PDB file of N, CA and C in Angstrom:
ATOM      1  N   MET A   1       1.165  -1.030  -0.178  1.00  0.00           N
ATOM      2  CA  MET A   1      -0.247  -0.043  -0.395  1.00  0.00           C
ATOM      3  C   MET A   1       0.862   1.209  -0.203  1.00  0.00           C
ATOM      4  N   ASN A   2       0.471   2.330  -0.662  1.00  0.00           N
ATOM      5  CA  ASN A   2       1.418   3.533  -0.803  1.00  0.00           C
ATOM      6  C   ASN A   2       1.091   4.589   0.428  1.00  0.00           C
ATOM      7  N   LYS A   3      -0.287   4.551   0.782  1.00  0.00           N
ATOM      8  CA  LYS A   3      -0.258   5.575   1.692  1.00  0.00           C
ATOM      9  C   LYS A   3      -1.184   5.256   3.035  1.00  0.00           C
ATOM     10  N   VAL A   4      -1.322   5.627   3.876  1.00  0.00           N
ATOM     11  CA  VAL A   4      -1.821   5.128   5.476  1.00  0.00           C
ATOM     12  C   VAL A   4      -3.143   5.458   4.447  1.00  0.00           C
ATOM     13  N   ASN A   5      -4.339   4.151   5.488  1.00  0.00           N
ATOM     14  CA  ASN A   5      -5.857   4.479   5.101  1.00  0.00           C
ATOM     15  C   ASN A   5      -5.782   4.239   3.657  1.00  0.00           C
ATOM     16  N   GLU A   6      -5.175   4.320   2.867  1.00  0.00           N
ATOM     17  CA  GLU A   6      -5.373   3.883   1.397  1.00  0.00           C
ATOM     18  C   GLU A   6      -5.627   2.045   1.082  1.00  0.00           C
ATOM     19  N   LEU A   7      -6.518   2.084   0.592  1.00  0.00           N
ATOM     20  CA  LEU A   7      -6.324   0.371   0.135  1.00  0.00           C
ATOM     21  C   LEU A   7      -5.664  -0.141  -0.982  1.00  0.00           C
ATOM     22  N   ALA A   8      -5.216  -1.281  -0.866  1.00  0.00           N
ATOM     23  CA  ALA A   8      -4.012  -1.613  -1.712  1.00  0.00           C
ATOM     24  C   ALA A   8      -4.907  -1.978  -3.075  1.00  0.00           C
ATOM     25  N   LYS A   9      -4.620  -1.778  -4.025  1.00  0.00           N
ATOM     26  CA  LYS A   9      -4.521  -1.572  -5.539  1.00  0.00           C
ATOM     27  C   LYS A   9      -4.328  -3.348  -6.076  1.00  0.00           C
ATOM     28  N   VAL A  10      -5.688  -3.892  -6.474  1.00  0.00           N
ATOM     29  CA  VAL A  10      -5.250  -5.116  -7.176  1.00  0.00           C
ATOM     30  C   VAL A  10      -6.076  -5.087  -8.588  1.00  0.00           C
ATOM     31  N   LEU A  11      -5.479  -5.420  -9.296  1.00  0.00           N
ATOM     32  CA  LEU A  11      -6.295  -5.417 -11.289  1.00  0.00           C
ATOM     33  C   LEU A  11      -6.081  -7.265 -11.109  1.00  0.00           C
ATOM     34  N   ILE A  12      -7.153  -7.383 -11.483  1.00  0.00           N
ATOM     35  CA  ILE A  12      -8.031  -8.639 -11.971  1.00  0.00           C
ATOM     36  C   ILE A  12      -8.153  -8.723 -13.158  1.00  0.00           C
ATOM     37  N   VAL A  13      -7.174  -9.475 -14.283  1.00  0.00           N
ATOM     38  CA  VAL A  13      -6.685  -9.751 -15.677  1.00  0.00           C
ATOM     39  C   VAL A  13      -7.467 -11.163 -15.909  1.00  0.00           C
ATOM     40  N   ASP A  14      -8.975 -11.225 -16.880  1.00  0.00           N
ATOM     41  CA  ASP A  14      -9.379 -11.999 -17.227  1.00  0.00           C
ATOM     42  C   ASP A  14     -10.132 -12.090 -18.028  1.00  0.00           C
ATOM     43  N   ASP A  15     -10.713 -12.655 -19.263  1.00  0.00           N
ATOM     44  CA  ASP A  15     -11.744 -12.541 -20.234  1.00  0.00           C
ATOM     45  C   ASP A  15     -12.891 -12.783 -19.731  1.00  0.00           C
ATOM     46  N   THR A  16     -12.898 -13.876 -18.983  1.00  0.00           N
ATOM     47  CA  THR A  16     -14.276 -14.371 -18.015  1.00  0.00           C
ATOM     48  C   THR A  16     -14.951 -14.241 -16.784  1.00  0.00           C
ATOM     49  N   GLU A  17     -16.225 -13.327 -17.478  1.00  0.00           N
ATOM     50  CA  GLU A  17     -16.526 -12.342 -16.590  1.00  0.00           C
ATOM     51  C   GLU A  17     -17.114 -13.339 -15.040  1.00  0.00           C
ATOM     52  N   PHE A  18     -17.528 -14.449 -15.469  1.00  0.00           N
ATOM     53  CA  PHE A  18     -18.216 -14.707 -14.177  1.00  0.00           C
ATOM     54  C   PHE A  18     -16.624 -15.351 -13.314  1.00  0.00           C
ATOM     55  N   ASN A  19     -15.342 -15.114 -14.017  1.00  0.00           N
ATOM     56  CA  ASN A  19     -14.272 -15.406 -13.108  1.00  0.00           C
ATOM     57  C   ASN A  19     -14.106 -14.161 -12.440  1.00  0.00           C
ATOM     58  N   ILE A  20     -14.463 -12.946 -12.857  1.00  0.00           N
ATOM     59  CA  ILE A  20     -13.491 -12.067 -12.672  1.00  0.00           C
ATOM     60  C   ILE A  20     -14.569 -11.489 -11.402  1.00  0.00           C
ATOM     61  N   ASP A  21     -16.232 -12.267 -11.694  1.00  0.00           N
ATOM     62  CA  ASP A  21     -17.403 -11.668 -10.330  1.00  0.00           C
ATOM     63  C   ASP A  21     -16.839 -12.760  -9.356  1.00  0.00           C
ATOM     64  N   ILE A  22     -16.307 -13.956  -9.139  1.00  0.00           N
ATOM     65  CA  ILE A  22     -16.147 -14.586  -8.195  1.00  0.00           C
ATOM     66  C   ILE A  22     -15.262 -13.884  -7.652  1.00  0.00           C
ATOM     67  N   ILE A  23     -13.923 -13.466  -8.376  1.00  0.00           N
ATOM     68  CA  ILE A  23     -12.291 -13.490  -7.793  1.00  0.00           C
ATOM     69  C   ILE A  23     -13.354 -11.597  -7.054  1.00  0.00           C
ATOM     70  N   TYR A  24     -13.539 -10.774  -8.102  1.00  0.00           N
ATOM     71  CA  TYR A  24     -14.315  -9.498  -7.224  1.00  0.00           C
ATOM     72  C   TYR A  24     -14.682  -9.384  -6.124  1.00  0.00           C
ATOM     73  N   GLY A  25     -15.446 -10.351  -6.167  1.00  0.00           N
ATOM     74  CA  GLY A  25     -16.721 -10.622  -4.921  1.00  0.00           C
ATOM     75  C   GLY A  25     -16.039 -10.525  -3.490  1.00  0.00           C
ATOM     76  N   ALA A  26     -14.817 -11.611  -3.409  1.00  0.00           N
ATOM     77  CA  ALA A  26     -14.081 -12.331  -2.608  1.00  0.00           C
ATOM     78  C   ALA A  26     -13.146 -11.415  -2.169  1.00  0.00           C
ATOM     79  N   LEU A  27     -12.852  -9.880  -3.208  1.00  0.00           N
ATOM     80  CA  LEU A  27     -12.040  -8.939  -2.692  1.00  0.00           C
ATOM     81  C   LEU A  27     -12.774  -7.824  -2.326  1.00  0.00           C
ATOM     82  N   GLU A  28     -13.386  -7.261  -3.050  1.00  0.00           N
ATOM     83  CA  GLU A  28     -13.964  -6.084  -3.313  1.00  0.00           C
ATOM     84  C   GLU A  28     -14.200  -5.131  -1.510  1.00  0.00           C
ATOM     85  N   ASP A  29     -14.123  -5.511  -0.637  1.00  0.00           N
ATOM     86  CA  ASP A  29     -14.459  -4.835   0.496  1.00  0.00           C
ATOM     87  C   ASP A  29     -12.922  -5.061   1.446  1.00  0.00           C
ATOM     88  N   ILE A  30     -12.164  -5.533   0.823  1.00  0.00           N
ATOM     89  CA  ILE A  30     -10.461  -5.578   1.324  1.00  0.00           C
ATOM     90  C   ILE A  30      -9.867  -4.577   0.345  1.00  0.00           C
ATOM     91  N   TYR A  31      -9.866  -4.356  -0.497  1.00  0.00           N
ATOM     92  CA  TYR A  31      -9.118  -4.266  -1.714  1.00  0.00           C
ATOM     93  C   TYR A  31      -9.893  -3.052  -2.850  1.00  0.00           C
ATOM     94  N   ASP A  32      -8.904  -1.911  -2.756  1.00  0.00           N
ATOM     95  CA  ASP A  32      -9.723  -1.419  -3.998  1.00  0.00           C
ATOM     96  C   ASP A  32      -9.469  -2.291  -5.607  1.00  0.00           C
ATOM     97  N   VAL A  33     -10.367  -2.454  -6.454  1.00  0.00           N
ATOM     98  CA  VAL A  33     -10.251  -3.386  -6.953  1.00  0.00           C
ATOM     99  C   VAL A  33     -10.568  -3.100  -8.366  1.00  0.00           C
ATOM    100  N   ARG A  34      -9.970  -3.074  -9.379  1.00  0.00           N
ATOM    101  CA  ARG A  34     -10.003  -3.097 -10.940  1.00  0.00           C
ATOM    102  C   ARG A  34      -9.914  -4.261 -12.131  1.00  0.00           C
ATOM    103  N   VAL A  35     -10.492  -4.003 -12.828  1.00  0.00           N
ATOM    104  CA  VAL A  35     -10.753  -5.096 -13.465  1.00  0.00           C
ATOM    105  C   VAL A  35     -10.323  -4.852 -15.158  1.00  0.00           C
ATOM    106  N   ALA A  36      -9.530  -5.462 -15.993  1.00  0.00           N
ATOM    107  CA  ALA A  36      -9.242  -5.609 -17.368  1.00  0.00           C
ATOM    108  C   ALA A  36     -10.045  -7.254 -17.907  1.00  0.00           C
ATOM    109  N   MET A  37     -10.484  -6.921 -19.123  1.00  0.00           N
ATOM    110  CA  MET A  37     -10.702  -8.089 -19.690  1.00  0.00           C
ATOM    111  C   MET A  37     -10.065  -8.375 -20.905  1.00  0.00           C
ATOM    112  N   SER A  38      -8.990  -8.099 -21.382  1.00  0.00           N
ATOM    113  CA  SER A  38      -8.030  -8.464 -22.160  1.00  0.00           C
ATOM    114  C   SER A  38      -6.386  -7.716 -21.542  1.00  0.00           C
ATOM    115  N   GLY A  39      -5.476  -8.947 -22.240  1.00  0.00           N
ATOM    116  CA  GLY A  39      -3.479  -7.890 -22.251  1.00  0.00           C
ATOM    117  C   GLY A  39      -3.839  -6.607 -22.123  1.00  0.00           C
ATOM    118  N   PRO A  40      -4.084  -6.123 -23.617  1.00  0.00           N
ATOM    119  CA  PRO A  40      -4.111  -4.704 -24.033  1.00  0.00           C
ATOM    120  C   PRO A  40      -4.941  -3.761 -22.983  1.00  0.00           C
ATOM    121  N   GLU A  41      -6.334  -4.243 -22.576  1.00  0.00           N
ATOM    122  CA  GLU A  41      -6.570  -3.197 -21.555  1.00  0.00           C
ATOM    123  C   GLU A  41      -5.768  -3.341 -20.087  1.00  0.00           C
ATOM    124  N   ALA A  42      -5.552  -4.458 -19.546  1.00  0.00           N
ATOM    125  CA  ALA A  42      -4.692  -4.436 -18.744  1.00  0.00           C
ATOM    126  C   ALA A  42      -3.275  -3.335 -19.155  1.00  0.00           C
ATOM    127  N   LEU A  43      -2.689  -3.778 -19.646  1.00  0.00           N
ATOM    128  CA  LEU A  43      -1.590  -2.676 -20.468  1.00  0.00           C
ATOM    129  C   LEU A  43      -1.558  -1.233 -19.994  1.00  0.00           C
ATOM    130  N   SER A  44      -3.083  -0.957 -20.738  1.00  0.00           N
ATOM    131  CA  SER A  44      -3.339   0.484 -20.453  1.00  0.00           C
ATOM    132  C   SER A  44      -3.630   0.631 -19.180  1.00  0.00           C
ATOM    133  N   LEU A  45      -4.135  -0.021 -18.104  1.00  0.00           N
ATOM    134  CA  LEU A  45      -4.628   0.127 -16.592  1.00  0.00           C
ATOM    135  C   LEU A  45      -3.092   0.779 -16.392  1.00  0.00           C
ATOM    136  N   VAL A  46      -2.392  -0.527 -16.417  1.00  0.00           N
ATOM    137  CA  VAL A  46      -1.259  -0.643 -15.286  1.00  0.00           C
ATOM    138  C   VAL A  46      -0.393   0.694 -15.941  1.00  0.00           C
ATOM    139  N   GLU A  47      -0.612   1.096 -17.076  1.00  0.00           N
ATOM    140  CA  GLU A  47       0.485   2.546 -17.463  1.00  0.00           C
ATOM    141  C   GLU A  47      -0.537   3.635 -16.515  1.00  0.00           C
ATOM    142  N   LEU A  48      -1.333   4.069 -16.379  1.00  0.00           N
ATOM    143  CA  LEU A  48      -2.288   4.690 -15.869  1.00  0.00           C
ATOM    144  C   LEU A  48      -2.158   4.945 -14.828  1.00  0.00           C
ATOM    145  N   ASP A  49      -2.237   3.402 -13.464  1.00  0.00           N
ATOM    146  CA  ASP A  49      -2.506   4.060 -12.277  1.00  0.00           C
ATOM    147  C   ASP A  49      -1.697   2.414 -12.007  1.00  0.00           C
ATOM    148  N   PRO A  50      -0.676   2.336 -11.683  1.00  0.00           N
ATOM    149  CA  PRO A  50       0.053   0.814 -11.735  1.00  0.00           C
ATOM    150  C   PRO A  50      -0.821   0.277 -10.050  1.00  0.00           C
ATOM    151  N   PRO A  51      -0.942  -1.270 -10.499  1.00  0.00           N
ATOM    152  CA  PRO A  51      -1.520  -1.871  -8.996  1.00  0.00           C
ATOM    153  C   PRO A  51      -0.175  -2.457  -8.020  1.00  0.00           C
ATOM    154  N   ASP A  52      -0.914  -2.550  -7.070  1.00  0.00           N
ATOM    155  CA  ASP A  52      -0.234  -3.066  -5.800  1.00  0.00           C
ATOM    156  C   ASP A  52       0.059  -4.353  -6.492  1.00  0.00           C
ATOM    157  N   ILE A  53      -0.845  -5.387  -7.081  1.00  0.00           N
ATOM    158  CA  ILE A  53      -0.825  -6.687  -7.132  1.00  0.00           C
ATOM    159  C   ILE A  53      -1.640  -6.797  -8.688  1.00  0.00           C
ATOM    160  N   ILE A  54      -0.948  -7.977  -9.673  1.00  0.00           N
ATOM    161  CA  ILE A  54      -2.093  -8.445 -10.751  1.00  0.00           C
ATOM    162  C   ILE A  54      -2.285  -9.838 -10.379  1.00  0.00           C
ATOM    163  N   LEU A  55      -3.665  -9.961 -10.596  1.00  0.00           N
ATOM    164  CA  LEU A  55      -3.970 -11.499 -10.834  1.00  0.00           C
ATOM    165  C   LEU A  55      -4.616 -11.488 -12.287  1.00  0.00           C
ATOM    166  N   LEU A  56      -3.645 -12.809 -12.782  1.00  0.00           N
ATOM    167  CA  LEU A  56      -3.658 -12.899 -14.449  1.00  0.00           C
ATOM    168  C   LEU A  56      -3.939 -13.939 -14.683  1.00  0.00           C
ATOM    169  N   ASP A  57      -4.979 -14.264 -15.767  1.00  0.00           N
ATOM    170  CA  ASP A  57      -5.468 -15.369 -16.158  1.00  0.00           C
ATOM    171  C   ASP A  57      -4.460 -15.712 -17.345  1.00  0.00           C
ATOM    172  N   ILE A  58      -4.140 -17.032 -17.317  1.00  0.00           N
ATOM    173  CA  ILE A  58      -3.284 -17.556 -18.199  1.00  0.00           C
ATOM    174  C   ILE A  58      -3.752 -17.531 -19.392  1.00  0.00           C
ATOM    175  N   SER A  59      -5.064 -17.849 -19.642  1.00  0.00           N
ATOM    176  CA  SER A  59      -5.484 -18.418 -21.164  1.00  0.00           C
ATOM    177  C   SER A  59      -6.312 -17.294 -21.603  1.00  0.00           C
ATOM    178  N   MET A  60      -6.154 -16.103 -22.463  1.00  0.00           N
ATOM    179  CA  MET A  60      -6.835 -14.878 -23.394  1.00  0.00           C
ATOM    180  C   MET A  60      -6.578 -15.185 -24.112  1.00  0.00           C
ATOM    181  N   PRO A  61      -7.587 -14.703 -25.025  1.00  0.00           N
ATOM    182  CA  PRO A  61      -7.352 -14.717 -26.623  1.00  0.00           C
ATOM    183  C   PRO A  61      -6.860 -13.500 -27.314  1.00  0.00           C
ATOM    184  N   ASP A  62      -5.909 -13.732 -28.368  1.00  0.00           N
ATOM    185  CA  ASP A  62      -5.059 -12.630 -28.601  1.00  0.00           C
ATOM    186  C   ASP A  62      -3.984 -12.237 -27.979  1.00  0.00           C
ATOM    187  N   MET A  63      -3.798 -12.254 -26.522  1.00  0.00           N
ATOM    188  CA  MET A  63      -2.379 -11.828 -25.662  1.00  0.00           C
ATOM    189  C   MET A  63      -3.170 -12.774 -24.471  1.00  0.00           C
ATOM    190  N   ASP A  64      -2.208 -13.926 -24.007  1.00  0.00           N
ATOM    191  CA  ASP A  64      -1.997 -14.851 -23.329  1.00  0.00           C
ATOM    192  C   ASP A  64      -1.398 -14.069 -21.777  1.00  0.00           C
ATOM    193  N   GLY A  65      -1.521 -14.354 -20.883  1.00  0.00           N
ATOM    194  CA  GLY A  65      -1.058 -14.032 -19.728  1.00  0.00           C
ATOM    195  C   GLY A  65       0.279 -14.185 -19.220  1.00  0.00           C
ATOM    196  N   PHE A  66       0.797 -14.698 -20.411  1.00  0.00           N
ATOM    197  CA  PHE A  66       2.238 -15.148 -20.257  1.00  0.00           C
ATOM    198  C   PHE A  66       3.047 -14.179 -21.211  1.00  0.00           C
ATOM    199  N   GLU A  67       2.348 -13.581 -22.199  1.00  0.00           N
ATOM    200  CA  GLU A  67       2.747 -12.441 -23.110  1.00  0.00           C
ATOM    201  C   GLU A  67       2.316 -11.256 -22.603  1.00  0.00           C
ATOM    202  N   VAL A  68       1.078 -10.977 -21.884  1.00  0.00           N
ATOM    203  CA  VAL A  68       1.165  -9.772 -20.911  1.00  0.00           C
ATOM    204  C   VAL A  68       2.066 -10.105 -19.693  1.00  0.00           C
ATOM    205  N   CYS A  69       2.652 -10.817 -18.394  1.00  0.00           N
ATOM    206  CA  CYS A  69       3.259 -10.726 -18.035  1.00  0.00           C
ATOM    207  C   CYS A  69       4.668 -10.514 -18.569  1.00  0.00           C
ATOM    208  N   GLU A  70       5.123 -10.799 -19.751  1.00  0.00           N
ATOM    209  CA  GLU A  70       6.757 -10.360 -20.268  1.00  0.00           C
ATOM    210  C   GLU A  70       6.701  -9.032 -20.617  1.00  0.00           C
ATOM    211  N   ARG A  71       5.706  -8.335 -21.033  1.00  0.00           N
ATOM    212  CA  ARG A  71       5.705  -6.765 -21.338  1.00  0.00           C
ATOM    213  C   ARG A  71       5.482  -6.276 -20.235  1.00  0.00           C
ATOM    214  N   LEU A  72       4.650  -6.612 -19.403  1.00  0.00           N
ATOM    215  CA  LEU A  72       4.674  -6.054 -17.848  1.00  0.00           C
ATOM    216  C   LEU A  72       6.022  -5.899 -17.007  1.00  0.00           C
ATOM    217  N   LYS A  73       6.656  -7.015 -17.331  1.00  0.00           N
ATOM    218  CA  LYS A  73       8.222  -7.239 -16.802  1.00  0.00           C
ATOM    219  C   LYS A  73       9.135  -6.253 -16.914  1.00  0.00           C
ATOM    220  N   ALA A  74       9.061  -5.984 -18.657  1.00  0.00           N
ATOM    221  CA  ALA A  74       9.723  -5.122 -19.449  1.00  0.00           C
ATOM    222  C   ALA A  74       9.949  -3.585 -19.205  1.00  0.00           C
ATOM    223  N   LEU A  75       8.175  -2.960 -18.361  1.00  0.00           N
ATOM    224  CA  LEU A  75       8.497  -1.630 -18.419  1.00  0.00           C
ATOM    225  C   LEU A  75       8.982  -1.084 -17.079  1.00  0.00           C
ATOM    226  N   PRO A  76       9.614   0.183 -16.716  1.00  0.00           N
ATOM    227  CA  PRO A  76      10.445   0.231 -15.994  1.00  0.00           C
ATOM    228  C   PRO A  76       9.222   0.760 -14.709  1.00  0.00           C
ATOM    229  N   TYR A  77       8.052   0.830 -14.753  1.00  0.00           N
ATOM    230  CA  TYR A  77       7.111   1.175 -13.611  1.00  0.00           C
ATOM    231  C   TYR A  77       6.336  -0.043 -13.243  1.00  0.00           C
ATOM    232  N   ALA A  78       6.805  -1.068 -14.021  1.00  0.00           N
ATOM    233  CA  ALA A  78       5.999  -2.383 -13.638  1.00  0.00           C
ATOM    234  C   ALA A  78       6.502  -3.230 -13.539  1.00  0.00           C
ATOM    235  N   LYS A  79       7.645  -3.557 -13.869  1.00  0.00           N
ATOM    236  CA  LYS A  79       8.936  -4.538 -13.398  1.00  0.00           C
ATOM    237  C   LYS A  79       8.778  -5.416 -11.882  1.00  0.00           C
ATOM    238  N   ASP A  80       8.137  -4.117 -11.234  1.00  0.00           N
ATOM    239  CA  ASP A  80       8.220  -5.016  -9.980  1.00  0.00           C
ATOM    240  C   ASP A  80       6.869  -5.227  -9.323  1.00  0.00           C
ATOM    241  N   ILE A  81       5.596  -4.622 -10.029  1.00  0.00           N
ATOM    242  CA  ILE A  81       4.223  -5.515  -9.692  1.00  0.00           C
ATOM    243  C   ILE A  81       4.617  -6.717  -9.378  1.00  0.00           C
ATOM    244  N   PRO A  82       3.763  -7.501  -8.324  1.00  0.00           N
ATOM    245  CA  PRO A  82       4.173  -9.431  -8.184  1.00  0.00           C
ATOM    246  C   PRO A  82       2.686  -9.390  -9.250  1.00  0.00           C
ATOM    247  N   VAL A  83       3.086 -10.490 -10.035  1.00  0.00           N
ATOM    248  CA  VAL A  83       1.908 -11.108 -10.630  1.00  0.00           C
ATOM    249  C   VAL A  83       1.585 -12.350 -10.223  1.00  0.00           C
ATOM    250  N   VAL A  84       0.470 -12.285 -10.122  1.00  0.00           N
ATOM    251  CA  VAL A  84      -0.109 -13.989  -9.760  1.00  0.00           C
ATOM    252  C   VAL A  84      -0.957 -14.331 -10.918  1.00  0.00           C
ATOM    253  N   PHE A  85      -0.715 -16.033 -11.618  1.00  0.00           N
ATOM    254  CA  PHE A  85      -1.162 -16.093 -12.843  1.00  0.00           C
ATOM    255  C   PHE A  85      -2.723 -16.799 -12.294  1.00  0.00           C
ATOM    256  N   ILE A  86      -3.799 -17.248 -12.467  1.00  0.00           N
ATOM    257  CA  ILE A  86      -4.469 -17.634 -12.486  1.00  0.00           C
ATOM    258  C   ILE A  86      -5.069 -18.695 -13.459  1.00  0.00           C
ATOM    259  N   SER A  87      -6.188 -19.562 -13.069  1.00  0.00           N
ATOM    260  CA  SER A  87      -6.696 -20.446 -14.273  1.00  0.00           C
ATOM    261  C   SER A  87      -7.466 -21.276 -13.759  1.00  0.00           C
ATOM    262  N   ALA A  88      -8.974 -21.024 -15.011  1.00  0.00           N
ATOM    263  CA  ALA A  88      -9.834 -21.901 -14.319  1.00  0.00           C
ATOM    264  C   ALA A  88      -9.916 -23.487 -14.712  1.00  0.00           C
ATOM    265  N   ASN A  89      -8.743 -23.544 -15.524  1.00  0.00           N
ATOM    266  CA  ASN A  89      -8.513 -25.041 -16.299  1.00  0.00           C
ATOM    267  C   ASN A  89      -7.712 -25.801 -15.371  1.00  0.00           C
ATOM    268  N   SER A  90      -8.204 -27.030 -15.285  1.00  0.00           N
ATOM    269  CA  SER A  90      -8.284 -27.557 -13.872  1.00  0.00           C
ATOM    270  C   SER A  90      -6.864 -29.220 -14.773  1.00  0.00           C
ATOM    271  N   HIS A  91      -6.560 -29.033 -15.874  1.00  0.00           N
ATOM    272  CA  HIS A  91      -5.660 -30.081 -16.321  1.00  0.00           C
ATOM    273  C   HIS A  91      -4.497 -29.929 -16.120  1.00  0.00           C
ATOM    274  N   LEU A  92      -3.774 -30.571 -15.765  1.00  0.00           N
ATOM    275  CA  LEU A  92      -2.449 -30.542 -14.796  1.00  0.00           C
ATOM    276  C   LEU A  92      -1.516 -29.859 -15.823  1.00  0.00           C
ATOM    277  N   GLU A  93      -1.507 -30.645 -16.830  1.00  0.00           N
ATOM    278  CA  GLU A  93      -0.632 -30.279 -17.998  1.00  0.00           C
ATOM    279  C   GLU A  93      -0.846 -28.608 -18.585  1.00  0.00           C
ATOM    280  N   SER A  94      -1.584 -28.247 -18.297  1.00  0.00           N
ATOM    281  CA  SER A  94      -1.467 -27.072 -18.704  1.00  0.00           C
ATOM    282  C   SER A  94      -0.919 -25.679 -17.839  1.00  0.00           C
ATOM    283  N   LYS A  95      -1.096 -25.963 -16.134  1.00  0.00           N
ATOM    284  CA  LYS A  95      -0.489 -25.458 -15.352  1.00  0.00           C
ATOM    285  C   LYS A  95       1.705 -25.529 -15.381  1.00  0.00           C
TER     286      LYS A  95
END
């Protein structure tokens, strides 16, 4: 957290509304939660107002979570933001 009494900012990045609803519902009372539904949208939001942590879906169309993370880590203002990968995929080989 950046300032006293300021909630930590969490960015959820997922292309599935159902997944976002679940995570958002679990965190909204504790954190300042923001949402991006694509990799490019996430990169734009991080540039405007970097979050304290990013919850990043692995499987998304156009730009998957791994590419988003690579791009984030290449940016000086975003390279130190922790990224936690999330996935609704239960297949072991996908992890």
